[in-house]
């Protein structure tokens, strides 16, 4: 795998930050043009709609959809770097508990990425630790440093967040964070625009 990553990554001269911006813009365009309008028109029954709080019902649906969709974006951003691949993208093969393989100190390192430190539920943590534990070199990552407590607990598997994670795989956290913040704000603005049209 080391030779494969070196072979496919070294021939790609495009700047990582440009690729990252393009991935985020593509995600944003797809979400705003396709997914958001569908969610806005989707009929949902939950405790909010049963209570007549339709705007709460709608925003919960949109936020859940947006958060879930963003989960795959972190993997797409990560493979913009010069030392990381997704086996699912490269070979159509999903390695359980692994979103990314990165060459770190010339060793293949298996990484599971979540959005924040507290993304995992209590029951998912031990499973993630077991999945990562089968690899000699692995770690658990939170894409963003929010200051929340870690839900991933393991004495054997290291964890990194935000700048220290993205830096390990050779990417600029500040650029990623700025682009993601702009994207989230644009999606929020579009949500309110569509909400006003419907009112």
C-alpha atoms as a PDB file:
ATOM      1  CA  UNK A   1       0.000   0.000   0.000  1.00  0.00           C
ATOM      2  CA  UNK A   2       2.949   2.328   0.667  1.00  0.00           C
ATOM      3  CA  UNK A   3       4.177   2.022  -2.917  1.00  0.00           C
ATOM      4  CA  UNK A   4       0.665   2.476  -4.288  1.00  0.00           C
ATOM      5  CA  UNK A   5       0.034   5.691  -2.336  1.00  0.00           C
ATOM      6  CA  UNK A   6       3.421   7.103  -3.343  1.00  0.00           C
ATOM      7  CA  UNK A   7       2.786   6.250  -6.983  1.00  0.00           C
ATOM      8  CA  UNK A   8      -0.674   7.792  -7.305  1.00  0.00           C
ATOM      9  CA  UNK A   9      -0.079  10.819  -5.095  1.00  0.00           C
ATOM     10  CA  UNK A  10       3.307  12.070  -6.285  1.00  0.00           C
ATOM     11  CA  UNK A  11       2.115  12.535  -9.874  1.00  0.00           C
ATOM     12  CA  UNK A  12      -0.549  15.036  -8.842  1.00  0.00           C
ATOM     13  CA  UNK A  13       0.849  18.583  -8.784  1.00  0.00           C
ATOM     14  CA  UNK A  14      -2.436  20.383  -8.048  1.00  0.00           C
ATOM     15  CA  UNK A  15      -2.319  22.412  -4.854  1.00  0.00           C
ATOM     16  CA  UNK A  16      -4.113  20.729  -1.939  1.00  0.00           C
ATOM     17  CA  UNK A  17      -5.878  23.934  -0.842  1.00  0.00           C
ATOM     18  CA  UNK A  18      -7.363  24.394  -4.320  1.00  0.00           C
ATOM     19  CA  UNK A  19      -8.584  20.796  -4.299  1.00  0.00           C
ATOM     20  CA  UNK A  20     -10.071  21.259  -0.821  1.00  0.00           C
ATOM     21  CA  UNK A  21     -11.910  24.424  -1.861  1.00  0.00           C
ATOM     22  CA  UNK A  22     -13.254  22.627  -4.944  1.00  0.00           C
ATOM     23  CA  UNK A  23     -14.474  19.650  -2.860  1.00  0.00           C
ATOM     24  CA  UNK A  24     -16.249  21.938  -0.393  1.00  0.00           C
ATOM     25  CA  UNK A  25     -17.813  24.017  -3.173  1.00  0.00           C
ATOM     26  CA  UNK A  26     -19.020  20.885  -4.954  1.00  0.00           C
ATOM     27  CA  UNK A  27     -20.521  19.567  -1.717  1.00  0.00           C
ATOM     28  CA  UNK A  28     -22.194  22.932  -1.010  1.00  0.00           C
ATOM     29  CA  UNK A  29     -23.632  23.211  -4.533  1.00  0.00           C
ATOM     30  CA  UNK A  30     -25.054  19.695  -4.375  1.00  0.00           C
ATOM     31  CA  UNK A  31     -26.526  20.243  -0.921  1.00  0.00           C
ATOM     32  CA  UNK A  32     -28.089  23.608  -1.768  1.00  0.00           C
ATOM     33  CA  UNK A  33     -29.419  22.618  -5.195  1.00  0.00           C
ATOM     34  CA  UNK A  34     -30.492  19.022  -4.563  1.00  0.00           C
ATOM     35  CA  UNK A  35     -30.659  17.865  -0.966  1.00  0.00           C
ATOM     36  CA  UNK A  36     -31.882  21.000   0.827  1.00  0.00           C
ATOM     37  CA  UNK A  37     -34.953  21.549  -1.401  1.00  0.00           C
ATOM     38  CA  UNK A  38     -35.930  17.883  -0.974  1.00  0.00           C
ATOM     39  CA  UNK A  39     -35.636  18.136   2.796  1.00  0.00           C
ATOM     40  CA  UNK A  40     -37.608  21.378   2.824  1.00  0.00           C
ATOM     41  CA  UNK A  41     -40.473  19.651   0.972  1.00  0.00           C
ATOM     42  CA  UNK A  42     -40.291  16.384   2.881  1.00  0.00           C
ATOM     43  CA  UNK A  43     -43.214  15.595   5.147  1.00  0.00           C
ATOM     44  CA  UNK A  44     -42.011  14.511   8.538  1.00  0.00           C
ATOM     45  CA  UNK A  45     -43.745  13.262  11.618  1.00  0.00           C
ATOM     46  CA  UNK A  46     -41.875  13.826  14.849  1.00  0.00           C
ATOM     47  CA  UNK A  47     -42.622  15.279  18.256  1.00  0.00           C
ATOM     48  CA  UNK A  48     -42.248  18.807  16.837  1.00  0.00           C
ATOM     49  CA  UNK A  49     -44.720  18.337  13.977  1.00  0.00           C
ATOM     50  CA  UNK A  50     -47.142  16.538  16.302  1.00  0.00           C
ATOM     51  CA  UNK A  51     -46.969  19.628  18.542  1.00  0.00           C
ATOM     52  CA  UNK A  52     -47.608  21.995  15.637  1.00  0.00           C
ATOM     53  CA  UNK A  53     -44.035  23.344  15.806  1.00  0.00           C
ATOM     54  CA  UNK A  54     -43.501  22.887  12.082  1.00  0.00           C
ATOM     55  CA  UNK A  55     -40.456  25.150  11.841  1.00  0.00           C
ATOM     56  CA  UNK A  56     -38.718  23.095  14.558  1.00  0.00           C
ATOM     57  CA  UNK A  57     -39.660  19.897  12.728  1.00  0.00           C
ATOM     58  CA  UNK A  58     -38.210  21.228   9.482  1.00  0.00           C
ATOM     59  CA  UNK A  59     -34.997  22.572  10.962  1.00  0.00           C
ATOM     60  CA  UNK A  60     -34.343  19.314  12.831  1.00  0.00           C
ATOM     61  CA  UNK A  61     -34.735  17.395   9.576  1.00  0.00           C
ATOM     62  CA  UNK A  62     -32.425  19.775   7.701  1.00  0.00           C
ATOM     63  CA  UNK A  63     -29.744  19.834  10.406  1.00  0.00           C
ATOM     64  CA  UNK A  64     -29.708  16.055  10.729  1.00  0.00           C
ATOM     65  CA  UNK A  65     -29.460  15.697   6.944  1.00  0.00           C
ATOM     66  CA  UNK A  66     -26.708  18.332   6.704  1.00  0.00           C
ATOM     67  CA  UNK A  67     -24.646  16.805   9.550  1.00  0.00           C
ATOM     68  CA  UNK A  68     -24.912  13.316   8.084  1.00  0.00           C
ATOM     69  CA  UNK A  69     -23.946  14.551   4.616  1.00  0.00           C
ATOM     70  CA  UNK A  70     -20.906  16.402   5.967  1.00  0.00           C
ATOM     71  CA  UNK A  71     -19.528  13.196   7.479  1.00  0.00           C
ATOM     72  CA  UNK A  72     -18.382  11.971   4.078  1.00  0.00           C
ATOM     73  CA  UNK A  73     -16.967  15.407   3.201  1.00  0.00           C
ATOM     74  CA  UNK A  74     -14.112  15.072   5.718  1.00  0.00           C
ATOM     75  CA  UNK A  75     -12.901  11.943   3.940  1.00  0.00           C
ATOM     76  CA  UNK A  76     -13.052  13.710   0.565  1.00  0.00           C
ATOM     77  CA  UNK A  77     -11.065  16.622   1.972  1.00  0.00           C
ATOM     78  CA  UNK A  78      -8.490  14.291   3.524  1.00  0.00           C
ATOM     79  CA  UNK A  79      -7.721  12.563   0.228  1.00  0.00           C
ATOM     80  CA  UNK A  80      -6.875  15.953  -1.308  1.00  0.00           C
ATOM     81  CA  UNK A  81      -3.530  15.630   0.432  1.00  0.00           C
ATOM     82  CA  UNK A  82      -0.430  14.018  -0.983  1.00  0.00           C
ATOM     83  CA  UNK A  83      -0.293  11.071   1.414  1.00  0.00           C
ATOM     84  CA  UNK A  84      -3.851   9.780   1.931  1.00  0.00           C
ATOM     85  CA  UNK A  85      -6.299   7.507   0.164  1.00  0.00           C
ATOM     86  CA  UNK A  86      -9.751   6.125   0.771  1.00  0.00           C
ATOM     87  CA  UNK A  87      -9.868   2.421  -0.059  1.00  0.00           C
ATOM     88  CA  UNK A  88     -13.553   2.846  -0.836  1.00  0.00           C
ATOM     89  CA  UNK A  89     -12.781   5.494  -3.491  1.00  0.00           C
ATOM     90  CA  UNK A  90      -9.670   3.772  -4.837  1.00  0.00           C
ATOM     91  CA  UNK A  91     -10.742   0.121  -4.884  1.00  0.00           C
ATOM     92  CA  UNK A  92     -14.463   0.054  -4.054  1.00  0.00           C
ATOM     93  CA  UNK A  93     -13.475  -1.697  -0.818  1.00  0.00           C
ATOM     94  CA  UNK A  94     -14.583  -0.474   2.609  1.00  0.00           C
ATOM     95  CA  UNK A  95     -12.311  -1.429   5.496  1.00  0.00           C
ATOM     96  CA  UNK A  96     -14.518  -1.591   8.575  1.00  0.00           C
ATOM     97  CA  UNK A  97     -13.789   1.304  10.929  1.00  0.00           C
ATOM     98  CA  UNK A  98     -11.335   2.967   8.531  1.00  0.00           C
ATOM     99  CA  UNK A  99     -12.112   6.095   6.533  1.00  0.00           C
ATOM    100  CA  UNK A 100      -8.592   6.837   5.411  1.00  0.00           C
ATOM    101  CA  UNK A 101      -5.150   5.319   5.010  1.00  0.00           C
ATOM    102  CA  UNK A 102      -2.350   7.869   5.271  1.00  0.00           C
ATOM    103  CA  UNK A 103       1.397   7.529   4.943  1.00  0.00           C
ATOM    104  CA  UNK A 104       2.742   9.000   8.171  1.00  0.00           C
ATOM    105  CA  UNK A 105       6.487   8.570   8.704  1.00  0.00           C
ATOM    106  CA  UNK A 106       6.366   6.238   5.706  1.00  0.00           C
ATOM    107  CA  UNK A 107       3.973   3.876   7.528  1.00  0.00           C
ATOM    108  CA  UNK A 108       0.404   3.153   6.418  1.00  0.00           C
ATOM    109  CA  UNK A 109      -1.783   4.578   9.181  1.00  0.00           C
ATOM    110  CA  UNK A 110      -5.465   3.645   9.415  1.00  0.00           C
ATOM    111  CA  UNK A 111      -7.704   6.523  10.484  1.00  0.00           C
ATOM    112  CA  UNK A 112     -11.339   6.865  11.470  1.00  0.00           C
ATOM    113  CA  UNK A 113     -12.659  10.438  11.137  1.00  0.00           C
ATOM    114  CA  UNK A 114     -15.631  11.962  12.942  1.00  0.00           C
ATOM    115  CA  UNK A 115     -16.771  15.579  12.876  1.00  0.00           C
ATOM    116  CA  UNK A 116     -16.125  16.466  16.523  1.00  0.00           C
ATOM    117  CA  UNK A 117     -14.730  14.973  19.701  1.00  0.00           C
ATOM    118  CA  UNK A 118     -18.213  14.045  20.947  1.00  0.00           C
ATOM    119  CA  UNK A 119     -19.682  12.651  17.719  1.00  0.00           C
ATOM    120  CA  UNK A 120     -19.601   8.994  18.826  1.00  0.00           C
ATOM    121  CA  UNK A 121     -22.302   7.622  21.079  1.00  0.00           C
ATOM    122  CA  UNK A 122     -21.181   5.636  24.126  1.00  0.00           C
ATOM    123  CA  UNK A 123     -21.744   2.253  22.505  1.00  0.00           C
ATOM    124  CA  UNK A 124     -19.813   3.172  19.327  1.00  0.00           C
ATOM    125  CA  UNK A 125     -16.550   3.992  21.128  1.00  0.00           C
ATOM    126  CA  UNK A 126     -15.485   0.448  22.067  1.00  0.00           C
ATOM    127  CA  UNK A 127     -16.398  -0.800  18.598  1.00  0.00           C
ATOM    128  CA  UNK A 128     -14.278   1.926  16.966  1.00  0.00           C
ATOM    129  CA  UNK A 129     -11.354   1.093  19.266  1.00  0.00           C
ATOM    130  CA  UNK A 130     -11.601  -2.600  18.333  1.00  0.00           C
ATOM    131  CA  UNK A 131     -11.800  -1.809  14.605  1.00  0.00           C
ATOM    132  CA  UNK A 132      -8.763   0.470  14.719  1.00  0.00           C
ATOM    133  CA  UNK A 133      -6.902  -1.855  17.085  1.00  0.00           C
ATOM    134  CA  UNK A 134      -6.428  -4.540  14.451  1.00  0.00           C
ATOM    135  CA  UNK A 135      -3.978  -2.273  12.597  1.00  0.00           C
ATOM    136  CA  UNK A 136      -0.377  -1.757  13.724  1.00  0.00           C
ATOM    137  CA  UNK A 137      -0.590   2.011  13.145  1.00  0.00           C
ATOM    138  CA  UNK A 138      -3.945   3.723  13.564  1.00  0.00           C
ATOM    139  CA  UNK A 139      -5.688   6.612  15.254  1.00  0.00           C
ATOM    140  CA  UNK A 140      -9.068   8.216  15.800  1.00  0.00           C
ATOM    141  CA  UNK A 141      -9.609  11.751  14.503  1.00  0.00           C
ATOM    142  CA  UNK A 142     -12.041  14.588  15.042  1.00  0.00           C
ATOM    143  CA  UNK A 143     -12.089  16.897  12.028  1.00  0.00           C
ATOM    144  CA  UNK A 144     -12.609  19.950  14.236  1.00  0.00           C
ATOM    145  CA  UNK A 145     -11.314  21.042  17.614  1.00  0.00           C
ATOM    146  CA  UNK A 146     -14.407  22.237  19.460  1.00  0.00           C
ATOM    147  CA  UNK A 147     -13.148  21.780  23.014  1.00  0.00           C
ATOM    148  CA  UNK A 148     -15.802  19.153  23.772  1.00  0.00           C
ATOM    149  CA  UNK A 149     -14.959  16.066  25.807  1.00  0.00           C
ATOM    150  CA  UNK A 150     -13.885  13.037  23.842  1.00  0.00           C
ATOM    151  CA  UNK A 151     -16.481  10.265  23.610  1.00  0.00           C
ATOM    152  CA  UNK A 152     -13.818   7.973  22.147  1.00  0.00           C
ATOM    153  CA  UNK A 153     -12.010   6.368  25.079  1.00  0.00           C
ATOM    154  CA  UNK A 154      -9.066   4.064  24.512  1.00  0.00           C
ATOM    155  CA  UNK A 155      -5.747   3.483  26.242  1.00  0.00           C
ATOM    156  CA  UNK A 156      -4.267   1.936  23.107  1.00  0.00           C
ATOM    157  CA  UNK A 157      -5.545   4.059  20.198  1.00  0.00           C
ATOM    158  CA  UNK A 158      -4.326   7.650  19.934  1.00  0.00           C
ATOM    159  CA  UNK A 159      -6.709  10.460  19.055  1.00  0.00           C
ATOM    160  CA  UNK A 160      -6.108  13.775  17.327  1.00  0.00           C
ATOM    161  CA  UNK A 161      -8.376  16.707  16.573  1.00  0.00           C
ATOM    162  CA  UNK A 162      -8.463  19.789  14.422  1.00  0.00           C
ATOM    163  CA  UNK A 163      -5.083  21.211  13.518  1.00  0.00           C
ATOM    164  CA  UNK A 164      -3.071  18.306  14.932  1.00  0.00           C
ATOM    165  CA  UNK A 165      -5.090  15.798  12.865  1.00  0.00           C
ATOM    166  CA  UNK A 166      -5.008  17.703   9.566  1.00  0.00           C
ATOM    167  CA  UNK A 167      -1.333  18.560  10.094  1.00  0.00           C
ATOM    168  CA  UNK A 168      -0.482  14.863  10.516  1.00  0.00           C
ATOM    169  CA  UNK A 169      -1.812  14.191   7.008  1.00  0.00           C
ATOM    170  CA  UNK A 170      -0.184  17.309   5.551  1.00  0.00           C
ATOM    171  CA  UNK A 171      -3.210  19.598   5.212  1.00  0.00           C
ATOM    172  CA  UNK A 172      -3.868  23.172   6.348  1.00  0.00           C
ATOM    173  CA  UNK A 173      -6.495  23.162   9.123  1.00  0.00           C
ATOM    174  CA  UNK A 174      -7.023  26.924   9.031  1.00  0.00           C
ATOM    175  CA  UNK A 175      -7.856  26.803   5.326  1.00  0.00           C
ATOM    176  CA  UNK A 176     -10.250  23.882   5.853  1.00  0.00           C
ATOM    177  CA  UNK A 177     -11.920  25.574   8.830  1.00  0.00           C
ATOM    178  CA  UNK A 178     -12.377  28.886   6.968  1.00  0.00           C
ATOM    179  CA  UNK A 179     -13.848  27.159   3.915  1.00  0.00           C
ATOM    180  CA  UNK A 180     -16.193  24.989   6.001  1.00  0.00           C
ATOM    181  CA  UNK A 181     -17.391  27.987   8.045  1.00  0.00           C
ATOM    182  CA  UNK A 182     -18.205  29.889   4.837  1.00  0.00           C
ATOM    183  CA  UNK A 183     -19.991  26.852   3.403  1.00  0.00           C
ATOM    184  CA  UNK A 184     -22.105  26.315   6.528  1.00  0.00           C
ATOM    185  CA  UNK A 185     -23.109  29.986   6.549  1.00  0.00           C
ATOM    186  CA  UNK A 186     -24.137  29.830   2.865  1.00  0.00           C
ATOM    187  CA  UNK A 187     -26.270  26.741   3.498  1.00  0.00           C
ATOM    188  CA  UNK A 188     -27.873  28.469   6.477  1.00  0.00           C
ATOM    189  CA  UNK A 189     -28.634  31.555   4.344  1.00  0.00           C
ATOM    190  CA  UNK A 190     -30.190  29.369   1.651  1.00  0.00           C
ATOM    191  CA  UNK A 191     -32.301  27.606   4.272  1.00  0.00           C
ATOM    192  CA  UNK A 192     -33.686  30.939   5.483  1.00  0.00           C
ATOM    193  CA  UNK A 193     -34.247  32.089   1.899  1.00  0.00           C
ATOM    194  CA  UNK A 194     -36.274  28.948   1.168  1.00  0.00           C
ATOM    195  CA  UNK A 195     -38.126  29.298   4.477  1.00  0.00           C
ATOM    196  CA  UNK A 196     -39.151  32.846   3.581  1.00  0.00           C
ATOM    197  CA  UNK A 197     -40.312  31.761   0.122  1.00  0.00           C
ATOM    198  CA  UNK A 198     -42.517  29.090   1.704  1.00  0.00           C
ATOM    199  CA  UNK A 199     -44.031  31.460   4.327  1.00  0.00           C
END
